[in-house]
Amino acid sequence: MRFPKSMNAAILVGQNKPLVVDRVELPRELEVGQVLVKIHCSGICGSQLGEIDGAKGEDKYLPHLLGHEASGIVQSVGAGVKFVKPGNHVVLHWRKSQGIESIPPRYTWNGKPLNAGLIATFNDYAIVSENRVTRVDATTDMEIASLFGCAVTTGFGVAENNAKIKLGESVVVFGAGGVGLNIVQAANLLSAYPIIAVDLHDDRLELAKAFGATHTINSNKADAKAKIKEVLGDQGVDAFIDNTGQPAIIEMGYDLTSSKGRVVLVGVPRKGNNVNIYSLPLHFGKTISGSHGGESIPHEDIPRYQKLLDAGRIQLKPLITDYFLLSEINTAIQKMRDGEITGRCLIKMDN
């Protein structure tokens, strides 16, 4: 298979600036543990919007590439790679999996080094570390496969590993985007009840119902805290999962959870936006914790979730609601910011 000299890529050149789509030069050969993938499509996660906005503080690696969930076909592999080979269909993910952790690729742009880390997917080719790709069957829908890179593995992992939802427990999912919808779906699969989805947009809440939410609340139109209490009475929430990273919502969740309830933080507050809580309940069973991609293990979890998909136990295609070309990525990002994307949008590569 051919080794391309260059690729189209979306480059972050500065915080709070549009991405620049341009040609980027690839190195002439792969290093130990690297895998060259021809990207089919990539999802956009809310964390990329946070990177663009500098939510975690100063970005010391500008300019750099972005993206961490995609599907594609392996073109070439470097020395030592043993879990994938050319021709394999793969999922690209940011969570570590089996295989070698390589050095980052040495891309160049306009004759200067361009940072990318161990995975970047807003480009039509990608050199990634072996432990950031997982093989899937060649018959797998490549659009759905891209969702296994983050939206599915994070959402299901949050339900399984972080919230540890049990049958009949009450769950509140605050923020019904791509990850939130999969948390709702996983909670439904785990027989939680009630499952309350909260969002600012009615179209997302309608989709949440289709994925298993028993109650929905538009927090732009109603007092979410009062409505949640109305559903649960004095029992308190067993698991409150926040995808927004808004301190006020995290504090609300902490207040609403039962004496032994769990608050799970998927969204990350901007640097400096601190959360204020009364810590005494933490000594008596209440917990608050952050999720790191649902603590997923891609090479173990993706086959499990694929089995559920093949058996018709979960649905993923309805999660994909919008498509854009790489040249349209800034439009896609703006529509995400404006709440015009209902589920997950995919960037389809035209290579």
Foldseek 3Di string as FASTA:
>chain_A
DDDDQWWWAFKQAAAPDGTDTDIKGFDPDDAAQKWKWQFFWFWDDVVVNCVSNCLAHDDPQPTAAAGFFTKTFTCQGHPQFDQDGGGFIKIFADDFADTDQDAATFMGDPRHTHYYGQDHRLIRMGIHGSRRIATDDPPDDRVLSRCLRFLQQLLLLCQCPVQVDAAAAEEEEEDQASNSLNVLLNNVVRNYPQYEYEEQDPLLVVSSVVSHHPYYYNVVVDPVLVVVCVVVPPAFHQEYEYAAQQQVVQQSNQVRHHLQHEYEYAHHGGPPRDHDDDCVSVVVHYYYYYADSSPGHSNVVVVVVVVCVVVVNGDRPVLEDEEAESVCVSVVVVCVVVVVGNYIYMHGYPD
